[in-house]
Amino acid sequence: MKRRLLLQGLVALVCGRRVAAAPDATSPPSQKLEMSAAELRTVLAYGEVLVEGRQLSPDERRYLSEHVEDSGRRDAESLTRYRTTARLLDRLAGTRFADLAFDQRLALVARHRLDSRPANADETVGPFREEILLVRTYVVPDLIEGYWSSPVGWATLGYATFPGRCGDLERYTRRE
């Protein structure tokens, strides 16, 4: 029996195949490793309120979307935080947060102080205390950092070229 397992392992190694073990009946089902379109829309609608206080252009929204999707793919904890944020915002709104008019989204975020980090853990009280603390502690700075470190964030600050990308070559060759 040991020889057979050894040979199977050797064949699997040489052929690049994996010998699949029987799934454990006690293990929980694997979690989907991406956000739904509705969750992403909600997080992006929240990001618009948070980073600029206005509706973002398609380019600005695309960069924020890329940041959220990349973070969610790289880190399961970030994905969980984004999903929690989407659920919280939809519950507070009583409907899809992304479907609210922009001024209603702005008012809801301000009312629940979801636009700032908590000064201390006791600051937030209420029925969704844990979720609000999570959003204010982790998601707020993440979305702000993701937006302002993108090319559109840098352009807003007046930089013509995003760091790491080639700019106007004449800038490098002309006299000072």
C-alpha atoms as a PDB file:
ATOM      1  CA  MET A   1       0.000   0.000   0.000  1.00  0.00           C
ATOM      2  CA  LYS A   2       2.808   2.420   0.836  1.00  0.00           C
ATOM      3  CA  ARG A   3       4.522   1.704  -2.465  1.00  0.00           C
ATOM      4  CA  ARG A   4       1.325   2.534  -4.379  1.00  0.00           C
ATOM      5  CA  LEU A   5       0.952   5.871  -2.559  1.00  0.00           C
ATOM      6  CA  LEU A   6       4.612   6.649  -3.177  1.00  0.00           C
ATOM      7  CA  LEU A   7       4.247   5.876  -6.889  1.00  0.00           C
ATOM      8  CA  GLN A   8       1.038   7.945  -7.134  1.00  0.00           C
ATOM      9  CA  GLY A   9       2.798  10.859  -5.462  1.00  0.00           C
ATOM     10  CA  LEU A  10       5.762  10.529  -7.810  1.00  0.00           C
ATOM     11  CA  VAL A  11       3.526  10.393 -10.896  1.00  0.00           C
ATOM     12  CA  ALA A  12       1.535  13.366  -9.634  1.00  0.00           C
ATOM     13  CA  LEU A  13       4.738  15.312  -9.061  1.00  0.00           C
ATOM     14  CA  VAL A  14       6.159  14.492 -12.492  1.00  0.00           C
ATOM     15  CA  CYS A  15       2.904  15.074 -14.350  1.00  0.00           C
ATOM     16  CA  GLY A  16       2.004  18.200 -12.412  1.00  0.00           C
ATOM     17  CA  ARG A  17      -1.240  16.696 -11.168  1.00  0.00           C
ATOM     18  CA  ARG A  18      -2.555  16.730  -7.678  1.00  0.00           C
ATOM     19  CA  VAL A  19      -4.064  13.739  -5.983  1.00  0.00           C
ATOM     20  CA  ALA A  20      -7.270  15.089  -4.508  1.00  0.00           C
ATOM     21  CA  ALA A  21      -8.134  14.062  -0.999  1.00  0.00           C
ATOM     22  CA  ALA A  22     -11.725  13.328  -0.107  1.00  0.00           C
ATOM     23  CA  PRO A  23     -13.408  16.470   1.231  1.00  0.00           C
ATOM     24  CA  ASP A  24     -13.856  16.596   4.969  1.00  0.00           C
ATOM     25  CA  ALA A  25     -17.551  16.469   5.829  1.00  0.00           C
ATOM     26  CA  THR A  26     -16.988  18.665   8.888  1.00  0.00           C
ATOM     27  CA  SER A  27     -15.270  21.514   7.060  1.00  0.00           C
ATOM     28  CA  PRO A  28     -17.399  24.570   6.215  1.00  0.00           C
ATOM     29  CA  PRO A  29     -18.181  25.255   2.555  1.00  0.00           C
ATOM     30  CA  SER A  30     -15.646  27.492   0.865  1.00  0.00           C
ATOM     31  CA  GLN A  31     -16.555  31.168   0.756  1.00  0.00           C
ATOM     32  CA  LYS A  32     -16.884  32.954  -2.592  1.00  0.00           C
ATOM     33  CA  LEU A  33     -13.738  35.020  -3.011  1.00  0.00           C
ATOM     34  CA  GLU A  34     -15.248  38.030  -4.756  1.00  0.00           C
ATOM     35  CA  MET A  35     -17.913  40.597  -4.076  1.00  0.00           C
ATOM     36  CA  SER A  36     -21.258  40.571  -5.800  1.00  0.00           C
ATOM     37  CA  ALA A  37     -22.054  43.381  -8.227  1.00  0.00           C
ATOM     38  CA  ALA A  38     -24.571  44.834  -5.734  1.00  0.00           C
ATOM     39  CA  GLU A  39     -21.984  44.829  -2.923  1.00  0.00           C
ATOM     40  CA  LEU A  40     -19.426  46.513  -5.165  1.00  0.00           C
ATOM     41  CA  ARG A  41     -21.970  49.170  -6.234  1.00  0.00           C
ATOM     42  CA  THR A  42     -22.738  49.899  -2.582  1.00  0.00           C
ATOM     43  CA  VAL A  43     -19.067  50.190  -1.586  1.00  0.00           C
ATOM     44  CA  LEU A  44     -18.364  52.457  -4.583  1.00  0.00           C
ATOM     45  CA  ALA A  45     -21.390  54.639  -3.768  1.00  0.00           C
ATOM     46  CA  TYR A  46     -20.020  54.947  -0.226  1.00  0.00           C
ATOM     47  CA  GLY A  47     -16.570  55.745  -1.615  1.00  0.00           C
ATOM     48  CA  GLU A  48     -18.002  58.594  -3.690  1.00  0.00           C
ATOM     49  CA  VAL A  49     -19.458  60.186  -0.579  1.00  0.00           C
ATOM     50  CA  LEU A  50     -16.319  59.563   1.401  1.00  0.00           C
ATOM     51  CA  VAL A  51     -13.463  60.599  -0.881  1.00  0.00           C
ATOM     52  CA  GLU A  52     -14.864  63.564  -2.801  1.00  0.00           C
ATOM     53  CA  GLY A  53     -18.331  64.356  -1.500  1.00  0.00           C
ATOM     54  CA  ARG A  54     -19.627  64.231  -5.076  1.00  0.00           C
ATOM     55  CA  GLN A  55     -20.363  61.697  -7.786  1.00  0.00           C
ATOM     56  CA  LEU A  56     -17.151  60.483  -9.337  1.00  0.00           C
ATOM     57  CA  SER A  57     -16.382  60.529 -13.039  1.00  0.00           C
ATOM     58  CA  PRO A  58     -16.199  57.137 -14.771  1.00  0.00           C
ATOM     59  CA  ASP A  59     -12.365  57.196 -14.612  1.00  0.00           C
ATOM     60  CA  GLU A  60     -12.331  58.088 -10.929  1.00  0.00           C
ATOM     61  CA  ARG A  61     -14.903  55.404 -10.194  1.00  0.00           C
ATOM     62  CA  ARG A  62     -12.915  52.838 -12.207  1.00  0.00           C
ATOM     63  CA  TYR A  63      -9.753  53.431 -10.166  1.00  0.00           C
ATOM     64  CA  LEU A  64     -11.673  53.149  -6.907  1.00  0.00           C
ATOM     65  CA  SER A  65     -13.344  49.979  -8.187  1.00  0.00           C
ATOM     66  CA  GLU A  66      -9.962  48.494  -9.133  1.00  0.00           C
ATOM     67  CA  HIS A  67      -8.649  49.253  -5.653  1.00  0.00           C
ATOM     68  CA  VAL A  68     -11.620  47.581  -3.947  1.00  0.00           C
ATOM     69  CA  GLU A  69     -11.563  44.516  -6.211  1.00  0.00           C
ATOM     70  CA  ASP A  70      -7.773  44.079  -5.937  1.00  0.00           C
ATOM     71  CA  SER A  71      -7.842  44.452  -2.148  1.00  0.00           C
ATOM     72  CA  GLY A  72     -10.680  41.943  -1.892  1.00  0.00           C
ATOM     73  CA  ARG A  73      -8.836  39.412  -4.063  1.00  0.00           C
ATOM     74  CA  ARG A  74      -5.537  39.777  -2.220  1.00  0.00           C
ATOM     75  CA  ASP A  75      -6.873  39.734   1.313  1.00  0.00           C
ATOM     76  CA  ALA A  76      -9.852  37.763   2.613  1.00  0.00           C
ATOM     77  CA  GLU A  77     -10.095  40.127   5.594  1.00  0.00           C
ATOM     78  CA  SER A  78     -10.541  43.130   3.272  1.00  0.00           C
ATOM     79  CA  LEU A  79     -13.214  41.255   1.340  1.00  0.00           C
ATOM     80  CA  THR A  80     -15.071  40.539   4.592  1.00  0.00           C
ATOM     81  CA  ARG A  81     -14.818  44.206   5.603  1.00  0.00           C
ATOM     82  CA  TYR A  82     -16.186  45.406   2.261  1.00  0.00           C
ATOM     83  CA  ARG A  83     -19.077  42.950   2.459  1.00  0.00           C
ATOM     84  CA  THR A  84     -19.830  44.029   6.026  1.00  0.00           C
ATOM     85  CA  THR A  85     -19.775  47.654   4.860  1.00  0.00           C
ATOM     86  CA  ALA A  86     -22.228  46.929   2.034  1.00  0.00           C
ATOM     87  CA  ARG A  87     -24.622  45.066   4.367  1.00  0.00           C
ATOM     88  CA  LEU A  88     -24.425  47.798   7.013  1.00  0.00           C
ATOM     89  CA  LEU A  89     -25.091  50.626   4.553  1.00  0.00           C
ATOM     90  CA  ASP A  90     -28.030  48.783   2.987  1.00  0.00           C
ATOM     91  CA  ARG A  91     -29.517  48.103   6.449  1.00  0.00           C
ATOM     92  CA  LEU A  92     -29.083  51.712   7.567  1.00  0.00           C
ATOM     93  CA  ALA A  93     -30.627  52.964   4.328  1.00  0.00           C
ATOM     94  CA  GLY A  94     -33.530  50.513   4.471  1.00  0.00           C
ATOM     95  CA  THR A  95     -32.920  49.838   0.760  1.00  0.00           C
ATOM     96  CA  ARG A  96     -29.907  49.571  -1.516  1.00  0.00           C
ATOM     97  CA  PHE A  97     -27.572  52.364  -0.437  1.00  0.00           C
ATOM     98  CA  ALA A  98     -26.361  52.765  -4.025  1.00  0.00           C
ATOM     99  CA  ASP A  99     -29.937  53.444  -5.192  1.00  0.00           C
ATOM    100  CA  LEU A 100     -30.340  56.478  -2.910  1.00  0.00           C
ATOM    101  CA  ALA A 101     -29.955  59.957  -4.340  1.00  0.00           C
ATOM    102  CA  PHE A 102     -26.495  61.374  -3.694  1.00  0.00           C
ATOM    103  CA  ASP A 103     -27.698  63.914  -1.117  1.00  0.00           C
ATOM    104  CA  GLN A 104     -29.516  61.121   0.771  1.00  0.00           C
ATOM    105  CA  ARG A 105     -26.318  59.043   0.823  1.00  0.00           C
ATOM    106  CA  LEU A 106     -24.388  62.045   2.063  1.00  0.00           C
ATOM    107  CA  ALA A 107     -26.928  62.661   4.858  1.00  0.00           C
ATOM    108  CA  LEU A 108     -26.955  59.006   5.939  1.00  0.00           C
ATOM    109  CA  VAL A 109     -23.148  58.852   6.121  1.00  0.00           C
ATOM    110  CA  ALA A 110     -23.043  62.086   8.125  1.00  0.00           C
ATOM    111  CA  ARG A 111     -25.873  61.010  10.457  1.00  0.00           C
ATOM    112  CA  HIS A 112     -24.073  57.792  11.397  1.00  0.00           C
ATOM    113  CA  ARG A 113     -20.629  59.445  11.316  1.00  0.00           C
ATOM    114  CA  LEU A 114     -19.360  56.948   8.787  1.00  0.00           C
ATOM    115  CA  ASP A 115     -17.055  59.579   7.308  1.00  0.00           C
ATOM    116  CA  SER A 116     -14.458  59.622  10.065  1.00  0.00           C
ATOM    117  CA  ARG A 117     -12.356  57.335  12.163  1.00  0.00           C
ATOM    118  CA  PRO A 118     -13.480  56.759  15.761  1.00  0.00           C
ATOM    119  CA  ALA A 119     -11.631  58.707  18.436  1.00  0.00           C
ATOM    120  CA  ASN A 120     -12.018  55.737  20.790  1.00  0.00           C
ATOM    121  CA  ALA A 121     -13.805  52.388  20.923  1.00  0.00           C
ATOM    122  CA  ASP A 122     -16.545  53.717  23.231  1.00  0.00           C
ATOM    123  CA  GLU A 123     -17.487  56.524  20.851  1.00  0.00           C
ATOM    124  CA  THR A 124     -19.913  54.498  18.736  1.00  0.00           C
ATOM    125  CA  VAL A 125     -23.013  53.135  20.400  1.00  0.00           C
ATOM    126  CA  GLY A 126     -26.175  51.758  18.924  1.00  0.00           C
ATOM    127  CA  PRO A 127     -27.570  48.675  17.294  1.00  0.00           C
ATOM    128  CA  PHE A 128     -24.780  48.275  14.718  1.00  0.00           C
ATOM    129  CA  ARG A 129     -21.893  49.265  16.980  1.00  0.00           C
ATOM    130  CA  GLU A 130     -19.429  46.541  15.904  1.00  0.00           C
ATOM    131  CA  GLU A 131     -20.069  47.018  12.195  1.00  0.00           C
ATOM    132  CA  ILE A 132     -19.832  50.807  12.435  1.00  0.00           C
ATOM    133  CA  LEU A 133     -16.535  50.548  14.327  1.00  0.00           C
ATOM    134  CA  LEU A 134     -15.179  48.143  11.724  1.00  0.00           C
ATOM    135  CA  VAL A 135     -16.162  50.451   8.861  1.00  0.00           C
ATOM    136  CA  ARG A 136     -14.839  53.575  10.543  1.00  0.00           C
ATOM    137  CA  THR A 137     -11.597  51.933  11.672  1.00  0.00           C
ATOM    138  CA  TYR A 138     -10.629  49.983   8.547  1.00  0.00           C
ATOM    139  CA  VAL A 139     -12.762  50.756   5.496  1.00  0.00           C
ATOM    140  CA  VAL A 140     -12.762  54.569   5.725  1.00  0.00           C
ATOM    141  CA  PRO A 141      -8.945  54.897   5.647  1.00  0.00           C
ATOM    142  CA  ASP A 142      -8.648  52.106   3.074  1.00  0.00           C
ATOM    143  CA  LEU A 143     -11.018  53.739   0.573  1.00  0.00           C
ATOM    144  CA  ILE A 144      -9.462  57.167   1.075  1.00  0.00           C
ATOM    145  CA  GLU A 145      -5.940  55.807   0.634  1.00  0.00           C
ATOM    146  CA  GLY A 146      -6.959  53.734  -2.391  1.00  0.00           C
ATOM    147  CA  TYR A 147      -8.514  56.715  -4.152  1.00  0.00           C
ATOM    148  CA  TRP A 148      -5.855  59.323  -3.383  1.00  0.00           C
ATOM    149  CA  SER A 149      -2.975  56.999  -4.274  1.00  0.00           C
ATOM    150  CA  SER A 150      -4.468  56.345  -7.731  1.00  0.00           C
ATOM    151  CA  PRO A 151      -3.590  58.362 -10.842  1.00  0.00           C
ATOM    152  CA  VAL A 152      -6.832  60.393 -10.547  1.00  0.00           C
ATOM    153  CA  GLY A 153      -6.034  61.230  -6.930  1.00  0.00           C
ATOM    154  CA  TRP A 154      -2.589  62.428  -7.926  1.00  0.00           C
ATOM    155  CA  ALA A 155      -4.044  64.422 -10.846  1.00  0.00           C
ATOM    156  CA  THR A 156      -6.454  66.149  -8.449  1.00  0.00           C
ATOM    157  CA  LEU A 157      -3.422  67.327  -6.498  1.00  0.00           C
ATOM    158  CA  GLY A 158      -1.913  68.793  -9.659  1.00  0.00           C
ATOM    159  CA  TYR A 159       0.564  66.101 -10.654  1.00  0.00           C
ATOM    160  CA  ALA A 160       0.518  65.552 -14.396  1.00  0.00           C
ATOM    161  CA  THR A 161       2.201  62.149 -14.190  1.00  0.00           C
ATOM    162  CA  PHE A 162       1.480  59.347 -11.755  1.00  0.00           C
ATOM    163  CA  PRO A 163       4.661  58.052 -10.036  1.00  0.00           C
ATOM    164  CA  GLY A 164       6.209  55.147 -11.902  1.00  0.00           C
ATOM    165  CA  ARG A 165       4.772  56.140 -15.277  1.00  0.00           C
ATOM    166  CA  CYS A 166       6.536  57.971 -18.069  1.00  0.00           C
ATOM    167  CA  GLY A 167       5.611  61.590 -18.433  1.00  0.00           C
ATOM    168  CA  ASP A 168       6.399  64.186 -21.049  1.00  0.00           C
ATOM    169  CA  LEU A 169       9.864  63.285 -22.334  1.00  0.00           C
ATOM    170  CA  GLU A 170      10.650  66.922 -23.148  1.00  0.00           C
ATOM    171  CA  ARG A 171      10.435  67.626 -19.432  1.00  0.00           C
ATOM    172  CA  TYR A 172      13.477  65.413 -18.933  1.00  0.00           C
ATOM    173  CA  THR A 173      15.523  66.751 -21.865  1.00  0.00           C
ATOM    174  CA  ARG A 174      14.963  70.518 -21.894  1.00  0.00           C
ATOM    175  CA  ARG A 175      17.129  72.999 -20.026  1.00  0.00           C
ATOM    176  CA  GLU A 176      16.109  74.081 -16.564  1.00  0.00           C
END
